[in-house]
Protein backbone atom coordinates (compact mmCIF):
# COMPACT_ATOMS: atom_id res chain seq x y z
CA UNK A 1 4.54 -20.79 -3.87
CA UNK A 2 1.10 -22.13 -4.61
CA UNK A 3 -1.80 -20.71 -3.01
CA UNK A 4 -0.64 -17.41 -3.17
CA UNK A 5 -3.76 -15.48 -4.27
CA UNK A 6 -2.94 -12.11 -5.67
CA UNK A 7 -5.34 -9.35 -5.84
CA UNK A 8 -6.64 -8.49 -9.58
CA UNK A 9 -7.26 -4.53 -10.29
CA UNK A 10 -10.40 -4.97 -10.16
CA UNK A 11 -10.22 -5.97 -6.66
CA UNK A 12 -8.16 -3.47 -5.82
CA UNK A 13 -10.55 -0.93 -6.75
CA UNK A 14 -13.40 -2.58 -5.25
CA UNK A 15 -10.97 -2.81 -2.23
CA UNK A 16 -10.43 1.10 -2.06
CA UNK A 17 -13.67 1.88 -2.41
CA UNK A 18 -15.18 -0.31 0.26
CA UNK A 19 -12.30 0.42 2.66
CA UNK A 20 -13.48 4.81 1.52
CA UNK A 21 -16.61 3.58 3.09
CA UNK A 22 -15.32 2.63 6.26
CA UNK A 23 -13.24 5.27 6.89
CA UNK A 24 -15.94 7.66 6.27
CA UNK A 25 -17.96 6.11 8.71
CA UNK A 26 -15.09 5.56 11.37
CA UNK A 27 -14.29 9.42 10.85
CA UNK A 28 -17.22 10.71 10.01
CA UNK A 29 -16.59 13.04 7.53
CA UNK A 30 -15.66 12.63 3.80
CA UNK A 31 -12.69 11.03 1.85
CA UNK A 32 -11.46 11.18 -1.63
CA UNK A 33 -10.72 8.68 -3.80
CA UNK A 34 -8.45 8.74 -6.82
CA UNK A 35 -5.52 7.38 -8.50
CA UNK A 36 -1.95 8.34 -9.53
CA UNK A 37 1.57 7.13 -10.01
CA UNK A 38 3.72 8.31 -6.67
CA UNK A 39 6.97 8.22 -6.17
CA UNK A 40 8.10 4.75 -4.35
CA UNK A 41 10.69 6.91 -1.85
CA UNK A 42 7.22 8.70 -0.85
CA UNK A 43 5.72 5.76 0.10
CA UNK A 44 5.65 4.51 4.53
CA UNK A 45 4.74 0.80 5.01
CA UNK A 46 2.03 -0.20 8.12
CA UNK A 47 3.83 -3.21 8.54
CA UNK A 48 6.95 -4.30 9.39
CA UNK A 49 7.39 -8.00 7.80
CA UNK A 50 6.51 -9.49 4.21
CA UNK A 51 6.40 -13.04 3.44
CA UNK A 52 9.24 -14.04 1.61
CA UNK A 53 7.37 -16.77 -0.52
CA UNK A 54 4.83 -14.32 -1.59
CA UNK A 55 7.37 -11.48 -2.48
CA UNK A 56 8.81 -14.17 -4.91
CA UNK A 57 5.44 -14.83 -6.41
CA UNK A 58 4.69 -11.18 -6.56
CA UNK A 59 8.51 -10.82 -8.27
CA UNK A 60 7.52 -13.32 -10.77
CA UNK A 61 4.02 -11.99 -11.45
CA UNK A 62 5.29 -8.30 -12.16
CA UNK A 63 7.66 -9.62 -14.54
CA UNK A 64 4.66 -11.27 -16.84
CA UNK A 65 2.73 -7.94 -16.30
CA UNK A 66 0.94 -7.84 -12.98
CA UNK A 67 -0.35 -4.42 -12.40
CA UNK A 68 -2.47 -4.36 -9.38
CA UNK A 69 -2.18 -0.42 -7.80
CA UNK A 70 -1.20 -0.11 -3.88
CA UNK A 71 -3.86 1.61 -2.14
CA UNK A 72 -2.31 4.14 0.13
CA UNK A 73 -3.71 7.00 2.41
CA UNK A 74 -2.11 10.49 1.61
CA UNK A 75 -1.67 12.38 5.18
CA UNK A 76 0.70 15.48 5.21
CA UNK A 77 2.51 14.54 1.83
CA UNK A 78 3.11 10.97 2.70
CA UNK A 79 1.61 7.66 1.29
CA UNK A 80 0.78 5.24 4.04
CA UNK A 81 0.54 1.75 2.82
CA UNK A 82 -3.01 0.63 3.43
CA UNK A 83 -2.90 -2.74 0.95
CA UNK A 84 0.26 -3.55 -1.33
CA UNK A 85 2.90 -4.17 0.79
CA UNK A 86 4.42 -6.83 -1.17
CA UNK A 87 3.51 -5.02 -4.40
CA UNK A 88 5.33 -1.58 -3.58
CA UNK A 89 8.93 -3.98 -1.81
CA UNK A 90 8.74 -5.84 -5.17
CA UNK A 91 8.77 -2.38 -7.61
CA UNK A 92 11.39 -0.72 -5.40
CA UNK A 93 13.88 -3.45 -5.53
CA UNK A 94 13.37 -3.68 -9.03
CA UNK A 95 14.36 -0.27 -9.39
CA UNK A 96 10.92 1.24 -10.37
CA UNK A 97 10.85 4.73 -9.24
CA UNK A 98 7.38 5.12 -8.90
CA UNK A 99 4.17 2.91 -8.26
CA UNK A 100 0.14 2.85 -9.07
CA UNK A 101 -1.69 3.92 -6.52
CA UNK A 102 -5.59 4.46 -5.65
CA UNK A 103 -5.03 6.99 -2.75
CA UNK A 104 -7.77 8.01 -0.15
CA UNK A 105 -7.54 11.73 1.19
CA UNK A 106 -9.76 12.78 4.28
CA UNK A 107 -10.51 16.38 3.36
CA UNK A 108 -9.79 17.50 6.77
CA UNK A 109 -6.95 17.69 8.60
CA UNK A 110 -7.41 14.69 11.15
CA UNK A 111 -5.36 12.20 13.37
CA UNK A 112 -5.31 8.84 11.19
CA UNK A 113 -4.51 5.31 13.10
CA UNK A 114 -2.00 3.91 10.30
CA UNK A 115 0.03 6.95 10.74
CA UNK A 116 0.55 6.30 14.67
CA UNK A 117 0.98 2.73 13.63
CA UNK A 118 3.94 3.35 10.92
CA UNK A 119 5.48 5.79 13.73
CA UNK A 120 5.17 3.09 16.75
CA UNK A 121 6.53 0.58 14.49
CA UNK A 122 9.65 3.16 13.38
CA UNK A 123 8.39 2.67 9.57
CA UNK A 124 9.59 5.26 7.64
CA UNK A 125 10.15 3.68 4.66
CA UNK A 126 10.40 0.60 2.46
CA UNK A 127 13.86 0.05 3.44
CA UNK A 128 12.65 -0.53 6.97
CA UNK A 129 10.99 -3.68 5.87
CA UNK A 130 12.02 -7.34 7.16
CA UNK A 131 11.44 -10.10 4.68
CA UNK A 132 10.60 -13.55 7.12
CA UNK A 133 10.64 -17.31 5.56
CA UNK A 134 6.94 -18.45 5.57
């Protein structure tokens, strides 16, 4: 389990700012950035597999106070994970009803790649994620 770097709260906020700037350049529109607690049953993954080793590290660290928020893209009332799949999955497995998130939201209704990725991979909830060894 050595060698697993977990993002800190500060790193999560810096990463969210960087992602916001990238999305604004790519889409040519402004994105809003804010934090909130969101229901885990409204979180949609954009990757279908998670590392069992990293998940075990995250579960252990959460028990010791690890609290970095996930980063999501809000689209039509759903929250698509951009960063933090292991954290969201771990909290769901531990029975938490919600998670702290840094939320990116477009000021206009546009088509976004992460939404298409989730649809293409048939990912509709955290329950669709498979845990793989490694």
